Structure formats: C-alpha cells, structure tokens
Amino acid sequence: MSNNPYAHAAGKYGKTAKESPNQRELEGQLLLKAANELQRLQDRWDEATPEDIDNILTYNRKLWMVFFDTAIEYPEDRPQELRNN
C-alpha cells in the first residue's frame, strides 16, 4: 500500500477517455478502482501509513474532480433536468 500508483490519475483519465470507445465502461472501472481502494484502506486501517491514506484519498478526490470539471465544462450538452439539479 505504500507507493502511489495513482500519480497523475486525472491526466491519465483524460487521455484514455479521449481514446476509449466506451466512456461509461472506463468511468465505471475507475470508480470501482477507487471504491476498492477505499474499502481496502478501511479493512487495513491499522496497517495503513499516512502516505497510504493520502494517496488513496487524493486519487479519489482527483477522480471526482475530473467528473465535476467535465460536468460543468459543457453545461449546454446536459439535459435541462440534470442542469437544474
């Protein structure tokens, strides 16, 4: 758990998203990866180092920021109901 395998996650996501034919599948895989890492952190909390905690939480935050940035980048492309919420 000690090395950060998630460095530059947002950049990798953006590059892969442009190349991937199935955007939803990629998003699902990334969300599952984040959820699995968070669960693993919770399950092994007593063994986790501060670096482990920081790496996993940073990856999760960056992933959600990519989704947030993408959602607000082209608001006119979103259905009105979604924009209202």
PDB file of N, CA and C in Angstrom:
ATOM      1  N   MET A   1       0.802  -1.202   0.000  1.00  0.00           N
ATOM      2  CA  MET A   1       0.000   0.000   0.000  1.00  0.00           C
ATOM      3  C   MET A   1       0.846   1.268   0.000  1.00  0.00           C
ATOM      4  N   SER A   2       2.152   1.186   0.032  1.00  0.00           N
ATOM      5  CA  SER A   2       2.934   2.376   0.313  1.00  0.00           C
ATOM      6  C   SER A   2       3.247   3.246  -0.902  1.00  0.00           C
ATOM      7  N   ASN A   3       3.383   2.725  -2.099  1.00  0.00           N
ATOM      8  CA  ASN A   3       3.686   3.562  -3.255  1.00  0.00           C
ATOM      9  C   ASN A   3       2.414   4.132  -3.852  1.00  0.00           C
ATOM     10  N   ASN A   4       2.547   5.279  -4.499  1.00  0.00           N
ATOM     11  CA  ASN A   4       1.373   5.933  -5.079  1.00  0.00           C
ATOM     12  C   ASN A   4       1.198   5.510  -6.532  1.00  0.00           C
ATOM     13  N   PRO A   5       0.339   4.517  -6.794  1.00  0.00           N
ATOM     14  CA  PRO A   5       0.101   4.097  -8.169  1.00  0.00           C
ATOM     15  C   PRO A   5      -0.862   5.029  -8.893  1.00  0.00           C
ATOM     16  N   TYR A   6      -1.309   6.093  -8.205  1.00  0.00           N
ATOM     17  CA  TYR A   6      -2.341   6.948  -8.761  1.00  0.00           C
ATOM     18  C   TYR A   6      -1.831   8.327  -9.152  1.00  0.00           C
ATOM     19  N   ALA A   7      -0.522   8.497  -9.179  1.00  0.00           N
ATOM     20  CA  ALA A   7       0.008   9.797  -9.562  1.00  0.00           C
ATOM     21  C   ALA A   7      -0.459  10.114 -10.973  1.00  0.00           C
ATOM     22  N   HIS A   8      -0.868  11.324 -11.148  1.00  0.00           N
ATOM     23  CA  HIS A   8      -1.338  11.810 -12.448  1.00  0.00           C
ATOM     24  C   HIS A   8      -2.606  11.104 -12.924  1.00  0.00           C
ATOM     25  N   ALA A   9      -3.441  10.670 -12.011  1.00  0.00           N
ATOM     26  CA  ALA A   9      -4.656   9.929 -12.360  1.00  0.00           C
ATOM     27  C   ALA A   9      -5.556  10.739 -13.276  1.00  0.00           C
ATOM     28  N   ALA A  10      -5.724  11.999 -12.979  1.00  0.00           N
ATOM     29  CA  ALA A  10      -6.616  12.827 -13.789  1.00  0.00           C
ATOM     30  C   ALA A  10      -6.100  12.949 -15.208  1.00  0.00           C
ATOM     31  N   GLY A  11      -4.801  13.134 -15.361  1.00  0.00           N
ATOM     32  CA  GLY A  11      -4.223  13.238 -16.702  1.00  0.00           C
ATOM     33  C   GLY A  11      -4.378  11.953 -17.492  1.00  0.00           C
ATOM     34  N   LYS A  12      -4.141  10.841 -16.836  1.00  0.00           N
ATOM     35  CA  LYS A  12      -4.296   9.554 -17.500  1.00  0.00           C
ATOM     36  C   LYS A  12      -5.756   9.324 -17.879  1.00  0.00           C
ATOM     37  N   TYR A  13      -6.661   9.713 -16.984  1.00  0.00           N
ATOM     38  CA  TYR A  13      -8.085   9.553 -17.271  1.00  0.00           C
ATOM     39  C   TYR A  13      -8.454  10.353 -18.503  1.00  0.00           C
ATOM     40  N   GLY A  14      -8.030  11.604 -18.555  1.00  0.00           N
ATOM     41  CA  GLY A  14      -8.383  12.460 -19.681  1.00  0.00           C
ATOM     42  C   GLY A  14      -7.866  11.916 -20.991  1.00  0.00           C
ATOM     43  N   LYS A  15      -6.627  11.448 -21.012  1.00  0.00           N
ATOM     44  CA  LYS A  15      -6.043  10.893 -22.232  1.00  0.00           C
ATOM     45  C   LYS A  15      -6.782   9.632 -22.653  1.00  0.00           C
ATOM     46  N   THR A  16      -7.022   8.742 -21.708  1.00  0.00           N
ATOM     47  CA  THR A  16      -7.694   7.486 -22.013  1.00  0.00           C
ATOM     48  C   THR A  16      -9.138   7.723 -22.424  1.00  0.00           C
ATOM     49  N   ALA A  17      -9.799   8.687 -21.798  1.00  0.00           N
ATOM     50  CA  ALA A  17     -11.192   8.964 -22.107  1.00  0.00           C
ATOM     51  C   ALA A  17     -11.357   9.377 -23.557  1.00  0.00           C
ATOM     52  N   LYS A  18     -10.396  10.118 -24.082  1.00  0.00           N
ATOM     53  CA  LYS A  18     -10.471  10.556 -25.472  1.00  0.00           C
ATOM     54  C   LYS A  18     -10.241   9.399 -26.435  1.00  0.00           C
ATOM     55  N   GLU A  19      -9.479   8.402 -26.018  1.00  0.00           N
ATOM     56  CA  GLU A  19      -9.142   7.276 -26.873  1.00  0.00           C
ATOM     57  C   GLU A  19     -10.110   6.103 -26.731  1.00  0.00           C
ATOM     58  N   SER A  20     -10.852   6.066 -25.643  1.00  0.00           N
ATOM     59  CA  SER A  20     -11.700   4.927 -25.338  1.00  0.00           C
ATOM     60  C   SER A  20     -13.017   4.999 -26.095  1.00  0.00           C
ATOM     61  N   PRO A  21     -13.402   3.900 -26.736  1.00  0.00           N
ATOM     62  CA  PRO A  21     -14.690   3.895 -27.432  1.00  0.00           C
ATOM     63  C   PRO A  21     -15.875   3.792 -26.472  1.00  0.00           C
ATOM     64  N   ASN A  22     -15.648   3.338 -25.251  1.00  0.00           N
ATOM     65  CA  ASN A  22     -16.743   3.160 -24.318  1.00  0.00           C
ATOM     66  C   ASN A  22     -16.465   3.956 -23.043  1.00  0.00           C
ATOM     67  N   GLN A  23     -16.898   5.198 -23.062  1.00  0.00           N
ATOM     68  CA  GLN A  23     -16.649   6.129 -21.959  1.00  0.00           C
ATOM     69  C   GLN A  23     -17.243   5.636 -20.644  1.00  0.00           C
ATOM     70  N   ARG A  24     -18.457   5.155 -20.672  1.00  0.00           N
ATOM     71  CA  ARG A  24     -19.116   4.709 -19.433  1.00  0.00           C
ATOM     72  C   ARG A  24     -18.404   3.517 -18.804  1.00  0.00           C
ATOM     73  N   GLU A  25     -17.911   2.622 -19.630  1.00  0.00           N
ATOM     74  CA  GLU A  25     -17.185   1.471 -19.099  1.00  0.00           C
ATOM     75  C   GLU A  25     -15.905   1.926 -18.404  1.00  0.00           C
ATOM     76  N   LEU A  26     -15.193   2.852 -19.018  1.00  0.00           N
ATOM     77  CA  LEU A  26     -13.978   3.379 -18.413  1.00  0.00           C
ATOM     78  C   LEU A  26     -14.300   4.078 -17.092  1.00  0.00           C
ATOM     79  N   GLU A  27     -15.323   4.903 -17.087  1.00  0.00           N
ATOM     80  CA  GLU A  27     -15.712   5.599 -15.855  1.00  0.00           C
ATOM     81  C   GLU A  27     -16.067   4.601 -14.760  1.00  0.00           C
ATOM     82  N   GLY A  28     -16.796   3.571 -15.135  1.00  0.00           N
ATOM     83  CA  GLY A  28     -17.169   2.542 -14.164  1.00  0.00           C
ATOM     84  C   GLY A  28     -15.958   1.839 -13.588  1.00  0.00           C
ATOM     85  N   GLN A  29     -14.989   1.521 -14.443  1.00  0.00           N
ATOM     86  CA  GLN A  29     -13.773   0.860 -13.978  1.00  0.00           C
ATOM     87  C   GLN A  29     -13.003   1.750 -13.005  1.00  0.00           C
ATOM     88  N   LEU A  30     -12.906   3.036 -13.325  1.00  0.00           N
ATOM     89  CA  LEU A  30     -12.183   3.958 -12.452  1.00  0.00           C
ATOM     90  C   LEU A  30     -12.894   4.134 -11.112  1.00  0.00           C
ATOM     91  N   LEU A  31     -14.215   4.209 -11.142  1.00  0.00           N
ATOM     92  CA  LEU A  31     -14.968   4.342  -9.894  1.00  0.00           C
ATOM     93  C   LEU A  31     -14.852   3.083  -9.046  1.00  0.00           C
ATOM     94  N   LEU A  32     -14.893   1.921  -9.693  1.00  0.00           N
ATOM     95  CA  LEU A  32     -14.721   0.663  -8.951  1.00  0.00           C
ATOM     96  C   LEU A  32     -13.326   0.567  -8.349  1.00  0.00           C
ATOM     97  N   LYS A  33     -12.336   1.013  -9.090  1.00  0.00           N
ATOM     98  CA  LYS A  33     -10.968   1.007  -8.570  1.00  0.00           C
ATOM     99  C   LYS A  33     -10.874   1.893  -7.328  1.00  0.00           C
ATOM    100  N   ALA A  34     -11.452   3.084  -7.404  1.00  0.00           N
ATOM    101  CA  ALA A  34     -11.425   3.997  -6.255  1.00  0.00           C
ATOM    102  C   ALA A  34     -12.171   3.396  -5.072  1.00  0.00           C
ATOM    103  N   ALA A  35     -13.335   2.814  -5.326  1.00  0.00           N
ATOM    104  CA  ALA A  35     -14.122   2.213  -4.244  1.00  0.00           C
ATOM    105  C   ALA A  35     -13.378   1.036  -3.616  1.00  0.00           C
ATOM    106  N   ASN A  36     -12.739   0.229  -4.443  1.00  0.00           N
ATOM    107  CA  ASN A  36     -11.976  -0.907  -3.923  1.00  0.00           C
ATOM    108  C   ASN A  36     -10.810  -0.448  -3.063  1.00  0.00           C
ATOM    109  N   GLU A  37     -10.131   0.604  -3.492  1.00  0.00           N
ATOM    110  CA  GLU A  37      -9.009   1.125  -2.707  1.00  0.00           C
ATOM    111  C   GLU A  37      -9.486   1.704  -1.381  1.00  0.00           C
ATOM    112  N   LEU A  38     -10.610   2.402  -1.398  1.00  0.00           N
ATOM    113  CA  LEU A  38     -11.159   2.930  -0.151  1.00  0.00           C
ATOM    114  C   LEU A  38     -11.564   1.799   0.793  1.00  0.00           C
ATOM    115  N   GLN A  39     -12.166   0.747   0.247  1.00  0.00           N
ATOM    116  CA  GLN A  39     -12.551  -0.403   1.069  1.00  0.00           C
ATOM    117  C   GLN A  39     -11.315  -1.094   1.631  1.00  0.00           C
ATOM    118  N   ARG A  40     -10.293  -1.242   0.803  1.00  0.00           N
ATOM    119  CA  ARG A  40      -9.053  -1.870   1.246  1.00  0.00           C
ATOM    120  C   ARG A  40      -8.406  -1.043   2.360  1.00  0.00           C
ATOM    121  N   LEU A  41      -8.464   0.276   2.210  1.00  0.00           N
ATOM    122  CA  LEU A  41      -7.928   1.157   3.250  1.00  0.00           C
ATOM    123  C   LEU A  41      -8.692   0.963   4.553  1.00  0.00           C
ATOM    124  N   GLN A  42     -10.014   0.912   4.463  1.00  0.00           N
ATOM    125  CA  GLN A  42     -10.824   0.710   5.664  1.00  0.00           C
ATOM    126  C   GLN A  42     -10.531  -0.647   6.297  1.00  0.00           C
ATOM    127  N   ASP A  43     -10.434  -1.681   5.481  1.00  0.00           N
ATOM    128  CA  ASP A  43     -10.194  -3.030   6.001  1.00  0.00           C
ATOM    129  C   ASP A  43      -8.829  -3.165   6.668  1.00  0.00           C
ATOM    130  N   ARG A  44      -7.861  -2.391   6.203  1.00  0.00           N
ATOM    131  CA  ARG A  44      -6.489  -2.489   6.726  1.00  0.00           C
ATOM    132  C   ARG A  44      -6.062  -1.194   7.408  1.00  0.00           C
ATOM    133  N   TRP A  45      -7.007  -0.530   8.006  1.00  0.00           N
ATOM    134  CA  TRP A  45      -6.749   0.775   8.613  1.00  0.00           C
ATOM    135  C   TRP A  45      -5.559   0.749   9.577  1.00  0.00           C
ATOM    136  N   ASP A  46      -5.470  -0.272  10.400  1.00  0.00           N
ATOM    137  CA  ASP A  46      -4.390  -0.347  11.393  1.00  0.00           C
ATOM    138  C   ASP A  46      -3.008  -0.490  10.751  1.00  0.00           C
ATOM    139  N   GLU A  47      -2.956  -0.994   9.522  1.00  0.00           N
ATOM    140  CA  GLU A  47      -1.688  -1.174   8.817  1.00  0.00           C
ATOM    141  C   GLU A  47      -1.338   0.007   7.922  1.00  0.00           C
ATOM    142  N   ALA A  48      -2.285   0.887   7.678  1.00  0.00           N
ATOM    143  CA  ALA A  48      -2.092   1.977   6.720  1.00  0.00           C
ATOM    144  C   ALA A  48      -1.135   3.034   7.261  1.00  0.00           C
ATOM    145  N   THR A  49      -0.294   3.510   6.374  1.00  0.00           N
ATOM    146  CA  THR A  49       0.596   4.613   6.725  1.00  0.00           C
ATOM    147  C   THR A  49      -0.090   5.920   6.334  1.00  0.00           C
ATOM    148  N   PRO A  50       0.381   7.033   6.877  1.00  0.00           N
ATOM    149  CA  PRO A  50      -0.180   8.318   6.438  1.00  0.00           C
ATOM    150  C   PRO A  50      -0.062   8.508   4.917  1.00  0.00           C
ATOM    151  N   GLU A  51       1.021   7.989   4.345  1.00  0.00           N
ATOM    152  CA  GLU A  51       1.200   8.089   2.891  1.00  0.00           C
ATOM    153  C   GLU A  51       0.126   7.281   2.161  1.00  0.00           C
ATOM    154  N   ASP A  52      -0.178   6.086   2.650  1.00  0.00           N
ATOM    155  CA  ASP A  52      -1.236   5.261   2.049  1.00  0.00           C
ATOM    156  C   ASP A  52      -2.561   6.011   2.051  1.00  0.00           C
ATOM    157  N   ILE A  53      -2.889   6.559   3.201  1.00  0.00           N
ATOM    158  CA  ILE A  53      -4.157   7.286   3.354  1.00  0.00           C
ATOM    159  C   ILE A  53      -4.199   8.462   2.394  1.00  0.00           C
ATOM    160  N   ASP A  54      -3.126   9.232   2.360  1.00  0.00           N
ATOM    161  CA  ASP A  54      -3.064  10.396   1.479  1.00  0.00           C
ATOM    162  C   ASP A  54      -3.190   9.995   0.008  1.00  0.00           C
ATOM    163  N   ASN A  55      -2.471   8.955  -0.400  1.00  0.00           N
ATOM    164  CA  ASN A  55      -2.513   8.520  -1.797  1.00  0.00           C
ATOM    165  C   ASN A  55      -3.908   8.089  -2.228  1.00  0.00           C
ATOM    166  N   ILE A  56      -4.539   7.297  -1.413  1.00  0.00           N
ATOM    167  CA  ILE A  56      -5.862   6.774  -1.776  1.00  0.00           C
ATOM    168  C   ILE A  56      -6.906   7.886  -1.768  1.00  0.00           C
ATOM    169  N   LEU A  57      -6.884   8.733  -0.757  1.00  0.00           N
ATOM    170  CA  LEU A  57      -7.853   9.832  -0.705  1.00  0.00           C
ATOM    171  C   LEU A  57      -7.597  10.855  -1.808  1.00  0.00           C
ATOM    172  N   THR A  58      -6.343  11.096  -2.143  1.00  0.00           N
ATOM    173  CA  THR A  58      -6.019  12.030  -3.223  1.00  0.00           C
ATOM    174  C   THR A  58      -6.508  11.489  -4.558  1.00  0.00           C
ATOM    175  N   TYR A  59      -6.293  10.210  -4.812  1.00  0.00           N
ATOM    176  CA  TYR A  59      -6.780   9.606  -6.051  1.00  0.00           C
ATOM    177  C   TYR A  59      -8.302   9.752  -6.155  1.00  0.00           C
ATOM    178  N   ASN A  60      -8.987   9.435  -5.089  1.00  0.00           N
ATOM    179  CA  ASN A  60     -10.444   9.526  -5.078  1.00  0.00           C
ATOM    180  C   ASN A  60     -10.905  10.964  -5.345  1.00  0.00           C
ATOM    181  N   ARG A  61     -10.273  11.928  -4.675  1.00  0.00           N
ATOM    182  CA  ARG A  61     -10.638  13.333  -4.863  1.00  0.00           C
ATOM    183  C   ARG A  61     -10.364  13.782  -6.297  1.00  0.00           C
ATOM    184  N   LYS A  62      -9.218  13.417  -6.848  1.00  0.00           N
ATOM    185  CA  LYS A  62      -8.883  13.810  -8.228  1.00  0.00           C
ATOM    186  C   LYS A  62      -9.863  13.204  -9.224  1.00  0.00           C
ATOM    187  N   LEU A  63     -10.222  11.956  -8.995  1.00  0.00           N
ATOM    188  CA  LEU A  63     -11.177  11.305  -9.890  1.00  0.00           C
ATOM    189  C   LEU A  63     -12.504  12.049  -9.894  1.00  0.00           C
ATOM    190  N   TRP A  64     -13.011  12.375  -8.707  1.00  0.00           N
ATOM    191  CA  TRP A  64     -14.281  13.086  -8.635  1.00  0.00           C
ATOM    192  C   TRP A  64     -14.176  14.500  -9.189  1.00  0.00           C
ATOM    193  N   MET A  65     -13.013  15.123  -9.068  1.00  0.00           N
ATOM    194  CA  MET A  65     -12.830  16.460  -9.641  1.00  0.00           C
ATOM    195  C   MET A  65     -12.851  16.402 -11.169  1.00  0.00           C
ATOM    196  N   VAL A  66     -12.333  15.329 -11.752  1.00  0.00           N
ATOM    197  CA  VAL A  66     -12.407  15.164 -13.202  1.00  0.00           C
ATOM    198  C   VAL A  66     -13.869  15.086 -13.632  1.00  0.00           C
ATOM    199  N   PHE A  67     -14.660  14.300 -12.907  1.00  0.00           N
ATOM    200  CA  PHE A  67     -16.081  14.211 -13.240  1.00  0.00           C
ATOM    201  C   PHE A  67     -16.763  15.568 -13.081  1.00  0.00           C
ATOM    202  N   PHE A  68     -16.458  16.255 -11.998  1.00  0.00           N
ATOM    203  CA  PHE A  68     -17.052  17.570 -11.747  1.00  0.00           C
ATOM    204  C   PHE A  68     -16.664  18.553 -12.847  1.00  0.00           C
ATOM    205  N   ASP A  69     -15.372  18.623 -13.160  1.00  0.00           N
ATOM    206  CA  ASP A  69     -14.913  19.547 -14.197  1.00  0.00           C
ATOM    207  C   ASP A  69     -15.551  19.244 -15.542  1.00  0.00           C
ATOM    208  N   THR A  70     -15.673  17.972 -15.862  1.00  0.00           N
ATOM    209  CA  THR A  70     -16.300  17.570 -17.121  1.00  0.00           C
ATOM    210  C   THR A  70     -17.773  17.953 -17.142  1.00  0.00           C
ATOM    211  N   ALA A  71     -18.440  17.794 -16.026  1.00  0.00           N
ATOM    212  CA  ALA A  71     -19.868  18.111 -15.950  1.00  0.00           C
ATOM    213  C   ALA A  71     -20.142  19.592 -16.134  1.00  0.00           C
ATOM    214  N   ILE A  72     -19.250  20.444 -15.635  1.00  0.00           N
ATOM    215  CA  ILE A  72     -19.501  21.875 -15.756  1.00  0.00           C
ATOM    216  C   ILE A  72     -18.864  22.482 -17.000  1.00  0.00           C
ATOM    217  N   GLU A  73     -18.003  21.721 -17.689  1.00  0.00           N
ATOM    218  CA  GLU A  73     -17.310  22.249 -18.868  1.00  0.00           C
ATOM    219  C   GLU A  73     -18.282  22.540 -20.010  1.00  0.00           C
ATOM    220  N   TYR A  74     -19.229  21.678 -20.252  1.00  0.00           N
ATOM    221  CA  TYR A  74     -20.185  21.840 -21.342  1.00  0.00           C
ATOM    222  C   TYR A  74     -21.610  21.717 -20.818  1.00  0.00           C
ATOM    223  N   PRO A  75     -22.050  22.669 -20.018  1.00  0.00           N
ATOM    224  CA  PRO A  75     -23.381  22.540 -19.410  1.00  0.00           C
ATOM    225  C   PRO A  75     -24.511  22.475 -20.439  1.00  0.00           C
ATOM    226  N   GLU A  76     -24.303  23.069 -21.595  1.00  0.00           N
ATOM    227  CA  GLU A  76     -25.367  23.053 -22.601  1.00  0.00           C
ATOM    228  C   GLU A  76     -25.581  21.656 -23.185  1.00  0.00           C
ATOM    229  N   ASP A  77     -24.624  20.764 -23.023  1.00  0.00           N
ATOM    230  CA  ASP A  77     -24.755  19.396 -23.512  1.00  0.00           C
ATOM    231  C   ASP A  77     -25.526  18.498 -22.551  1.00  0.00           C
ATOM    232  N   ARG A  78     -25.859  19.005 -21.379  1.00  0.00           N
ATOM    233  CA  ARG A  78     -26.562  18.219 -20.374  1.00  0.00           C
ATOM    234  C   ARG A  78     -28.065  18.472 -20.477  1.00  0.00           C
ATOM    235  N   PRO A  79     -28.857  17.457 -20.222  1.00  0.00           N
ATOM    236  CA  PRO A  79     -30.313  17.663 -20.226  1.00  0.00           C
ATOM    237  C   PRO A  79     -30.700  18.717 -19.184  1.00  0.00           C
ATOM    238  N   GLN A  80     -31.761  19.445 -19.454  1.00  0.00           N
ATOM    239  CA  GLN A  80     -32.189  20.522 -18.577  1.00  0.00           C
ATOM    240  C   GLN A  80     -32.426  20.027 -17.144  1.00  0.00           C
ATOM    241  N   GLU A  81     -33.013  18.864 -16.994  1.00  0.00           N
ATOM    242  CA  GLU A  81     -33.278  18.319 -15.664  1.00  0.00           C
ATOM    243  C   GLU A  81     -31.976  18.123 -14.875  1.00  0.00           C
ATOM    244  N   LEU A  82     -30.955  17.615 -15.562  1.00  0.00           N
ATOM    245  CA  LEU A  82     -29.660  17.414 -14.919  1.00  0.00           C
ATOM    246  C   LEU A  82     -29.021  18.758 -14.557  1.00  0.00           C
ATOM    247  N   ARG A  83     -29.109  19.735 -15.439  1.00  0.00           N
ATOM    248  CA  ARG A  83     -28.550  21.053 -15.152  1.00  0.00           C
ATOM    249  C   ARG A  83     -29.253  21.704 -13.976  1.00  0.00           C
ATOM    250  N   ASN A  84     -30.531  21.474 -13.831  1.00  0.00           N
ATOM    251  CA  ASN A  84     -31.289  22.067 -12.722  1.00  0.00           C
ATOM    252  C   ASN A  84     -30.893  21.459 -11.377  1.00  0.00           C
ATOM    253  N   ASN A  85     -30.428  20.232 -11.394  1.00  0.00           N
ATOM    254  CA  ASN A  85     -30.045  19.555 -10.153  1.00  0.00           C
ATOM    255  C   ASN A  85     -28.582  19.761  -9.860  1.00  0.00           C
TER     256      ASN A  85
END
